[in-house]
Protein backbone atom coordinates (compact mmCIF):
# COMPACT_ATOMS: atom_id res chain seq x y z
CA MET A 1 -12.31 33.38 -10.33
CA PRO A 2 -9.72 31.81 -8.08
CA SER A 3 -10.58 31.12 -4.48
CA ARG A 4 -8.84 32.73 -1.55
CA PRO A 5 -5.20 31.75 -0.99
CA ASN A 6 -4.70 28.33 0.57
CA SER A 7 -2.07 26.96 2.92
CA ASP A 8 0.85 25.07 1.42
CA ARG A 9 -0.40 21.87 3.06
CA ALA A 10 -3.90 22.23 1.62
CA VAL A 11 -2.47 22.81 -1.85
CA GLU A 12 -0.13 19.84 -1.46
CA ASP A 13 -3.02 17.56 -0.47
CA LEU A 14 -5.14 18.74 -3.40
CA LEU A 15 -2.33 18.30 -5.90
CA ARG A 16 -1.61 14.80 -4.67
CA CYS A 17 -5.26 13.86 -5.27
CA LEU A 18 -5.40 15.51 -8.70
CA ALA A 19 -2.02 14.39 -10.04
CA PRO A 20 -3.06 10.89 -11.17
CA GLN A 21 -6.17 12.29 -12.87
CA VAL A 22 -4.05 14.78 -14.82
CA LEU A 23 -1.52 12.14 -15.79
CA GLY A 24 -4.29 9.74 -16.76
CA ALA A 25 -5.89 12.39 -18.97
CA LEU A 26 -2.62 13.08 -20.79
CA VAL A 27 -1.75 9.42 -21.21
CA ARG A 28 -5.26 8.73 -22.49
CA ARG A 29 -4.87 11.39 -25.19
CA TYR A 30 -1.17 11.13 -25.96
CA GLY A 31 -0.03 7.64 -25.05
CA ASN A 32 3.53 8.46 -23.95
CA PHE A 33 3.82 7.73 -20.23
CA ASP A 34 7.26 9.22 -19.76
CA THR A 35 6.83 12.56 -21.55
CA ALA A 36 3.33 13.03 -20.16
CA GLU A 37 4.64 12.55 -16.63
CA ASP A 38 7.33 15.20 -17.17
CA ALA A 39 4.65 17.63 -18.33
CA VAL A 40 2.43 16.85 -15.35
CA GLN A 41 5.28 17.34 -12.88
CA GLU A 42 5.96 20.81 -14.29
CA ALA A 43 2.27 21.69 -14.06
CA LEU A 44 2.21 20.54 -10.44
CA LEU A 45 5.29 22.62 -9.69
CA ALA A 46 3.65 25.66 -11.22
CA ALA A 47 0.52 25.10 -9.13
CA ALA A 48 2.52 24.58 -5.95
CA THR A 49 4.24 27.90 -6.59
CA GLN A 50 1.22 29.96 -7.59
CA TRP A 51 -1.83 28.62 -5.74
CA PRO A 52 -0.75 29.27 -2.13
CA ASN A 53 -0.39 32.98 -2.95
CA GLU A 54 -2.91 33.56 -5.75
CA GLY A 55 -5.62 31.15 -4.64
CA THR A 56 -6.82 27.85 -6.05
CA PRO A 57 -8.53 28.14 -9.46
CA ALA A 58 -12.26 27.49 -9.66
CA ASN A 59 -11.49 24.36 -11.66
CA PRO A 60 -8.10 23.13 -10.44
CA LEU A 61 -8.19 19.93 -12.52
CA GLY A 62 -8.88 21.84 -15.75
CA TRP A 63 -6.10 24.31 -14.87
CA LEU A 64 -3.59 21.53 -14.36
CA ILE A 65 -4.55 19.69 -17.56
CA THR A 66 -4.33 22.92 -19.58
CA VAL A 67 -0.90 23.80 -18.21
CA ALA A 68 0.35 20.21 -18.55
CA SER A 69 -0.87 19.95 -22.15
CA ARG A 70 0.88 23.20 -23.04
CA ARG A 71 4.07 21.97 -21.43
CA LEU A 72 3.71 18.70 -23.31
CA THR A 73 3.61 20.68 -26.55
CA ASP A 74 6.78 22.51 -25.51
CA LEU A 75 8.54 19.24 -24.75
CA LEU A 76 7.54 17.81 -28.10
CA ARG A 77 8.71 20.93 -29.92
CA ASN A 78 12.21 20.11 -28.75
CA GLU A 79 11.97 16.59 -30.11
CA HIS A 80 11.92 17.07 -33.85
CA ALA A 81 11.58 13.36 -34.51
CA ARG A 82 8.17 13.50 -32.83
CA GLN A 83 6.83 16.47 -34.76
CA ARG A 84 3.69 14.63 -35.79
CA ARG A 85 2.67 13.95 -32.22
CA GLU A 86 3.43 17.53 -31.26
CA ASP A 87 0.95 18.74 -33.83
CA ALA A 88 -1.68 16.34 -32.54
CA VAL A 89 -1.28 17.53 -28.96
CA ALA A 90 -1.08 21.19 -29.96
CA ALA A 91 -4.45 20.82 -31.68
CA TRP A 92 -6.01 19.23 -28.64
CA VAL A 93 -9.22 20.93 -27.54
CA LEU A 94 -10.07 20.25 -23.92
CA PRO A 95 -13.42 18.49 -23.42
CA ASP A 96 -16.16 20.52 -21.76
CA ARG A 97 -16.10 18.26 -18.70
CA TRP A 98 -12.66 19.64 -17.79
CA LEU A 99 -13.88 23.21 -18.11
CA ALA A 100 -17.09 22.73 -16.12
CA PRO A 101 -17.38 23.19 -12.36
CA ALA A 102 -16.06 20.23 -10.37
CA ALA A 103 -19.53 19.16 -9.24
CA ASP A 104 -20.67 18.76 -12.88
CA ARG A 105 -17.84 16.53 -14.06
CA SER A 106 -18.50 12.96 -15.17
CA ALA A 107 -16.84 9.98 -13.53
CA THR A 108 -14.25 9.69 -16.29
CA ASP A 109 -11.64 11.69 -14.36
CA SER A 110 -11.66 9.09 -11.62
CA ASP A 111 -11.80 6.30 -14.19
CA ASP A 112 -8.53 7.64 -15.62
CA THR A 113 -6.91 7.20 -12.22
CA LEU A 114 -8.08 3.60 -12.00
CA ILE A 115 -6.84 2.90 -15.54
CA LEU A 116 -3.51 4.43 -14.55
CA LEU A 117 -3.33 2.05 -11.59
CA PHE A 118 -3.99 -0.87 -13.94
CA LEU A 119 -1.19 0.34 -16.23
CA CYS A 120 1.26 0.66 -13.35
CA CYS A 121 0.42 -2.91 -12.32
CA HIS A 122 0.99 -4.29 -15.80
CA PRO A 123 1.60 -8.08 -15.67
CA ALA A 124 4.82 -7.72 -17.68
CA LEU A 125 6.39 -5.82 -14.76
CA SER A 126 8.01 -7.35 -11.71
CA ALA A 127 6.34 -6.77 -8.35
CA ALA A 128 9.13 -4.34 -7.40
CA SER A 129 8.59 -2.34 -10.60
CA GLN A 130 4.82 -2.34 -10.16
CA ILE A 131 5.21 -0.91 -6.66
CA ALA A 132 7.73 1.74 -7.75
CA LEU A 133 5.69 2.87 -10.75
CA THR A 134 2.46 3.01 -8.72
CA LEU A 135 4.07 5.17 -6.04
CA ARG A 136 5.62 7.42 -8.69
CA ALA A 137 2.71 7.88 -11.10
CA VAL A 138 -0.35 7.49 -8.88
CA GLY A 139 1.03 8.18 -5.41
CA GLY A 140 2.97 11.24 -6.49
CA LEU A 141 6.12 10.30 -4.54
CA THR A 142 9.41 11.48 -5.97
CA THR A 143 12.01 9.00 -7.10
CA PRO A 144 14.33 9.88 -4.16
CA GLU A 145 11.42 9.31 -1.72
CA ILE A 146 10.69 5.88 -3.20
CA ALA A 147 14.39 4.98 -3.16
CA ARG A 148 14.64 5.92 0.52
CA ALA A 149 11.52 3.93 1.32
CA PHE A 150 12.98 0.76 -0.15
CA LEU A 151 16.59 1.45 0.88
CA VAL A 152 18.08 1.40 -2.61
CA PRO A 153 20.24 4.04 -4.32
CA GLU A 154 18.34 6.74 -6.16
CA ALA A 155 20.07 5.79 -9.42
CA THR A 156 18.85 2.21 -9.05
CA MET A 157 15.26 3.35 -8.49
CA THR A 158 15.49 5.77 -11.42
CA ARG A 159 16.52 2.92 -13.72
CA ARG A 160 13.80 0.66 -12.35
CA ILE A 161 11.08 3.24 -12.96
CA SER A 162 12.43 4.13 -16.41
CA ARG A 163 12.45 0.47 -17.45
CA ALA A 164 8.92 0.05 -16.14
CA LYS A 165 7.68 3.00 -18.18
CA LYS A 166 9.33 1.66 -21.32
CA THR A 167 7.81 -1.76 -20.75
CA VAL A 168 4.34 -0.26 -20.41
CA LYS A 169 4.85 1.86 -23.52
CA SER A 170 6.17 -1.01 -25.65
CA SER A 171 3.37 -3.33 -24.54
CA GLY A 172 0.90 -1.45 -26.71
CA VAL A 173 -1.83 -1.82 -24.08
CA PRO A 174 -4.59 0.71 -24.87
CA PHE A 175 -5.49 3.26 -22.21
CA ARG A 176 -8.74 1.72 -21.08
CA LEU A 177 -10.00 -0.63 -18.44
CA PRO A 178 -9.59 -4.29 -19.42
CA ALA A 179 -12.77 -6.31 -19.59
CA GLY A 180 -14.01 -9.59 -18.17
CA ALA A 181 -11.54 -12.06 -16.72
CA GLU A 182 -8.56 -9.86 -17.58
CA ARG A 183 -10.01 -7.02 -15.53
CA ASN A 184 -10.47 -9.28 -12.51
CA GLU A 185 -6.90 -10.57 -12.84
CA ARG A 186 -5.45 -7.10 -13.18
CA LEU A 187 -7.53 -5.81 -10.25
CA ALA A 188 -6.12 -8.62 -8.14
CA THR A 189 -2.63 -7.40 -9.06
CA VAL A 190 -3.54 -3.80 -8.16
CA LEU A 191 -4.80 -4.90 -4.75
CA HIS A 192 -1.70 -7.03 -4.17
CA VAL A 193 0.56 -4.07 -4.96
CA LEU A 194 -1.39 -1.85 -2.54
CA TYR A 195 -1.19 -4.63 0.05
CA LEU A 196 2.60 -4.83 -0.36
CA ILE A 197 3.02 -1.07 -0.13
CA PHE A 198 0.99 -1.00 3.08
CA ASN A 199 2.89 -3.91 4.60
CA GLU A 200 6.23 -2.27 3.90
CA GLY A 201 4.96 0.88 5.58
CA TYR A 202 3.50 -0.91 8.58
CA ALA A 203 6.45 -3.24 9.17
CA SER A 204 9.56 -2.17 7.26
CA THR A 205 11.58 -5.15 6.14
CA ALA A 206 14.89 -3.37 6.62
CA GLY A 207 16.46 -0.25 8.07
CA PRO A 208 16.41 1.71 11.32
CA SER A 209 12.63 2.24 11.62
CA LEU A 210 10.02 -0.34 12.52
CA GLN A 211 7.40 1.38 10.37
CA ARG A 212 7.10 3.93 7.57
CA ALA A 213 3.93 5.89 8.25
CA ASP A 214 4.16 7.71 4.93
CA LEU A 215 3.99 4.49 2.92
CA ALA A 216 1.17 3.02 5.02
CA THR A 217 -0.80 6.26 4.74
CA GLU A 218 -0.27 6.41 0.99
CA ALA A 219 -1.41 2.81 0.57
CA ILE A 220 -4.60 3.60 2.49
CA ARG A 221 -5.21 6.70 0.37
CA LEU A 222 -4.81 4.75 -2.87
CA THR A 223 -7.01 1.92 -1.63
CA ARG A 224 -9.68 4.46 -0.65
CA LEU A 225 -9.53 5.74 -4.20
CA VAL A 226 -10.05 2.25 -5.64
CA HIS A 227 -12.86 1.62 -3.16
CA ALA A 228 -14.59 4.85 -4.19
CA LEU A 229 -14.48 3.67 -7.81
CA LEU A 230 -15.46 0.07 -7.06
CA PRO A 231 -17.59 0.30 -3.89
CA ASP A 232 -19.37 -3.01 -4.56
CA ASP A 233 -16.20 -5.10 -4.82
CA SER A 234 -16.00 -6.99 -1.53
CA GLU A 235 -12.26 -7.67 -1.76
CA VAL A 236 -11.48 -3.99 -2.36
CA THR A 237 -13.59 -3.23 0.70
CA GLY A 238 -11.83 -6.00 2.61
CA LEU A 239 -8.38 -4.63 1.80
CA LEU A 240 -9.34 -1.13 2.94
CA ALA A 241 -10.80 -2.55 6.15
CA LEU A 242 -7.66 -4.61 6.74
CA GLN A 243 -5.41 -1.59 6.30
CA LEU A 244 -7.47 0.60 8.62
CA LEU A 245 -7.79 -2.04 11.34
CA THR A 246 -4.08 -2.81 11.21
CA ASP A 247 -2.90 0.80 10.97
CA ALA A 248 -5.09 1.64 13.97
CA ARG A 249 -2.46 0.02 16.20
CA ARG A 250 0.45 2.04 14.81
CA PRO A 251 0.54 4.71 17.59
CA ALA A 252 1.11 2.01 20.23
CA ARG A 253 3.59 -0.20 18.34
CA THR A 254 6.76 1.67 19.29
CA GLY A 255 8.12 3.27 22.42
CA SER A 256 9.48 6.81 22.67
CA ASP A 257 12.87 5.47 21.60
CA GLY A 258 11.46 3.67 18.56
CA SER A 259 11.63 0.25 20.19
CA LEU A 260 9.11 -2.43 19.23
CA ILE A 261 6.16 -3.08 21.54
CA PRO A 262 4.34 -6.39 20.87
CA MET A 263 0.56 -6.31 20.62
CA ALA A 264 0.04 -8.04 23.95
CA GLU A 265 1.91 -5.22 25.72
CA GLN A 266 0.49 -2.24 23.81
CA ASP A 267 -1.52 0.53 25.42
CA ARG A 268 -4.78 -0.01 23.54
CA SER A 269 -6.08 3.39 24.53
CA LEU A 270 -3.62 4.75 21.95
CA TRP A 271 -5.18 2.76 19.12
CA ASN A 272 -6.99 4.84 16.51
CA ALA A 273 -10.66 4.42 17.43
CA ASP A 274 -11.89 6.08 14.22
CA HIS A 275 -9.93 3.63 12.06
CA ILE A 276 -11.29 0.72 14.08
CA THR A 277 -14.88 1.90 13.81
CA GLU A 278 -14.61 2.46 10.07
CA GLY A 279 -12.75 -0.79 9.46
CA ILE A 280 -15.28 -2.88 11.38
CA ALA A 281 -18.16 -1.21 9.53
CA LEU A 282 -16.50 -1.94 6.18
CA ILE A 283 -15.78 -5.60 6.85
CA THR A 284 -19.20 -6.14 8.42
CA ALA A 285 -20.81 -4.81 5.24
CA ALA A 286 -18.49 -6.71 2.88
CA LEU A 287 -18.60 -10.24 4.27
CA PRO A 288 -22.22 -11.09 3.38
CA THR A 289 -22.12 -9.55 -0.11
CA GLY A 290 -20.23 -12.06 -2.24
CA VAL A 291 -17.46 -14.63 -2.42
CA THR A 292 -15.28 -14.30 0.67
CA GLY A 293 -11.68 -13.59 -0.27
CA PRO A 294 -8.36 -13.44 1.59
CA TYR A 295 -8.44 -9.70 2.28
CA GLN A 296 -11.88 -9.96 3.87
CA LEU A 297 -10.74 -12.85 6.07
CA GLN A 298 -7.59 -11.02 7.14
CA ALA A 299 -9.69 -7.96 7.93
CA ALA A 300 -12.05 -10.11 10.01
CA ILE A 301 -9.06 -11.45 11.97
CA ALA A 302 -7.78 -7.91 12.51
CA ALA A 303 -11.24 -6.88 13.71
CA VAL A 304 -11.27 -9.64 16.35
CA HIS A 305 -7.91 -8.35 17.65
CA ASP A 306 -9.05 -4.73 17.66
CA GLU A 307 -12.36 -5.44 19.39
CA ALA A 308 -10.65 -7.07 22.38
CA GLU A 309 -10.36 -4.60 25.26
CA THR A 310 -7.25 -6.39 26.54
CA SER A 311 -4.92 -9.01 25.16
CA ALA A 312 -6.43 -11.56 27.53
CA ASP A 313 -9.88 -10.87 26.06
CA THR A 314 -8.83 -11.89 22.54
CA ASP A 315 -11.14 -14.52 21.06
CA TRP A 316 -8.39 -16.89 19.90
CA PRO A 317 -10.74 -19.77 18.95
CA GLN A 318 -12.55 -17.44 16.55
CA ILE A 319 -9.22 -16.35 15.07
CA VAL A 320 -8.22 -20.00 14.60
CA ALA A 321 -11.51 -20.64 12.80
CA LEU A 322 -10.92 -17.69 10.48
CA TYR A 323 -7.37 -18.86 9.74
CA ASP A 324 -8.74 -22.32 8.95
CA VAL A 325 -10.87 -20.79 6.20
CA LEU A 326 -8.08 -18.50 5.00
CA LEU A 327 -5.64 -21.41 4.74
CA LYS A 328 -8.04 -23.25 2.44
CA ILE A 329 -7.99 -20.44 -0.13
CA ALA A 330 -4.43 -19.14 0.34
CA ASP A 331 -1.55 -21.61 0.17
CA ASN A 332 0.74 -19.27 2.03
CA PRO A 333 3.28 -20.31 4.68
CA VAL A 334 2.85 -16.98 6.48
CA VAL A 335 -0.85 -17.73 6.91
CA ALA A 336 0.07 -21.17 8.27
CA LEU A 337 2.58 -19.53 10.62
CA ASN A 338 0.01 -17.07 11.93
CA ARG A 339 -2.48 -19.90 12.38
CA ALA A 340 0.11 -21.77 14.46
CA VAL A 341 0.39 -18.72 16.72
CA ALA A 342 -3.40 -18.60 17.11
CA VAL A 343 -3.56 -22.33 17.85
CA GLY A 344 -0.79 -21.93 20.42
CA MET A 345 -2.74 -19.16 22.13
CA ALA A 346 -6.06 -21.03 21.98
CA SER A 347 -4.93 -24.59 22.76
CA GLY A 348 -1.55 -24.21 24.42
CA PRO A 349 2.01 -23.67 23.17
CA ARG A 350 2.71 -27.35 22.45
CA ALA A 351 -0.17 -27.46 19.97
CA GLY A 352 1.32 -24.49 18.17
CA LEU A 353 4.82 -25.98 18.21
CA ASP A 354 3.51 -29.16 16.59
CA LEU A 355 2.25 -27.08 13.65
CA LEU A 356 5.57 -25.23 13.39
CA ALA A 357 7.37 -28.55 12.98
CA GLN A 358 5.46 -29.02 9.72
CA LEU A 359 6.56 -25.60 8.46
CA ALA A 360 10.23 -26.30 9.13
CA SER A 361 10.40 -28.34 5.91
CA ASP A 362 8.79 -25.59 3.78
CA ASP A 363 11.63 -23.89 1.91
CA ARG A 364 9.54 -20.73 1.50
CA ILE A 365 9.74 -19.98 5.23
CA ALA A 366 12.13 -22.46 6.84
CA ASP A 367 14.91 -19.87 7.26
CA ASP A 368 12.65 -16.86 7.80
CA HIS A 369 13.15 -14.89 11.01
CA ARG A 370 9.40 -14.97 11.67
CA LEU A 371 9.39 -18.75 12.00
CA TYR A 372 12.27 -18.58 14.46
CA ALA A 373 10.60 -15.78 16.45
CA VAL A 374 7.27 -17.61 16.72
CA ARG A 375 9.01 -20.81 17.78
CA ALA A 376 10.95 -18.85 20.43
CA HIS A 377 7.75 -17.28 21.76
CA LEU A 378 5.90 -20.58 22.01
CA LEU A 379 8.91 -22.30 23.60
CA GLU A 380 9.07 -19.50 26.16
CA MET A 381 5.35 -19.99 26.90
CA ALA A 382 5.99 -23.74 27.27
CA GLY A 383 8.78 -23.11 29.80
CA ASP A 384 11.69 -24.29 27.62
CA LEU A 385 13.70 -21.14 28.21
CA ALA A 386 17.07 -22.35 26.93
CA ALA A 387 15.64 -23.37 23.56
CA ALA A 388 13.57 -20.18 23.41
CA ARG A 389 16.71 -18.08 23.96
CA ASP A 390 18.50 -19.84 21.08
CA PHE A 391 15.60 -19.30 18.70
CA TYR A 392 15.27 -15.63 19.68
CA ARG A 393 18.92 -15.21 18.78
CA GLY A 394 18.42 -17.12 15.56
CA ALA A 395 15.51 -14.85 14.65
CA ALA A 396 17.55 -11.72 15.42
CA ALA A 397 20.33 -12.93 13.14
CA ARG A 398 17.90 -13.42 10.25
CA THR A 399 15.96 -10.14 10.23
CA THR A 400 17.18 -7.00 8.47
CA SER A 401 14.98 -4.71 10.56
CA ILE A 402 17.08 -3.03 13.24
CA PRO A 403 14.18 -2.53 15.73
CA GLN A 404 13.22 -6.19 15.37
CA GLN A 405 16.86 -7.23 15.87
CA ARG A 406 17.01 -5.22 19.07
CA TYR A 407 13.71 -6.56 20.37
CA LEU A 408 14.58 -10.21 19.66
CA THR A 409 18.04 -9.82 21.17
CA MET A 410 16.51 -8.20 24.26
CA ARG A 411 14.10 -11.14 24.66
CA ALA A 412 17.02 -13.56 24.45
CA GLU A 413 19.02 -11.60 27.02
CA LYS A 414 16.09 -11.59 29.45
CA LEU A 415 16.08 -15.37 29.38
CA ASP A 416 19.78 -15.41 30.28
CA SER A 417 19.14 -13.71 33.60
């Protein structure tokens, strides 16, 4: 018997959680990513139309898989060249675990979602394609939503996703979790994709908004899913902690007009205390359990920031020490840049500027607006206001984020007065 009618929002949240499990189930049985996704989308549309009025079925996952499999048969019936596969799907008998009450299901439904994440992060795909396919197939975002998020035309994103699906299909990779070293490598790719999605949501690289809360929230949701499936993986735990501790500051990062507010000037009472509490608990539990990785170290740094009651209370020497460890395992100029900031705060701006001089010859970051902005900030702290003004302007000219452009230009103008 269906349950009582639900609100549209409740149905939407449930469908977003179930969608990757349904798609994973169809891909596992059928093997055609593209056609299976079309069938799933139609099943989701049917549910979104019926469930708010008629009530959610007792077994919503089984309902969706049944409807999607029937729709898949219909789609195949129109493709005469694939008659053999149509017969195979039409004869499909749903396993008992999809017909049983939700509490009695095995873990395979969730495993399908994890396998789907691994497929979306296939090593043959570019990082941009991995991100797009993950948001489309696992995140449930529409192609227009993904295109808007990354400021590209919808047609461009449609082609990117279509090519990604074809690449996955032609790869011949079986629908199962890889084993051994390959699994670890692919998991690292999955975490990197989720990290990139979150970063784009927290600090948009281009466009009129400083942050995209929808992308950051989706990245956290997907990382929670991976953490639920792999609770003993310390780097998965570290990434979730990092996202929560960083996202906790989001309510205080912009003014009422959307302008950027740097961390030192934020109203910390607006920070999300629940996120901070959960993030600190996660990273505290993860650090002693295995090999310490970059996500755990970044989460530890974020925790030090979030635990400080005021900017002046920040334990900069501890942050420097954490960056020292992180730099040893991550040859990343952004890590080196952030360490220079921490050194400048702990030991004085000139110490930080000396480290920036070494980064100026690194082609990976030499012309990046972040290097110019950090140099401007440290020069301003050191009292060299004319040079600081020039570097603020140089940073503003190099960023594609409109709020960052405005903030950096404003800092330069203040030094003119």
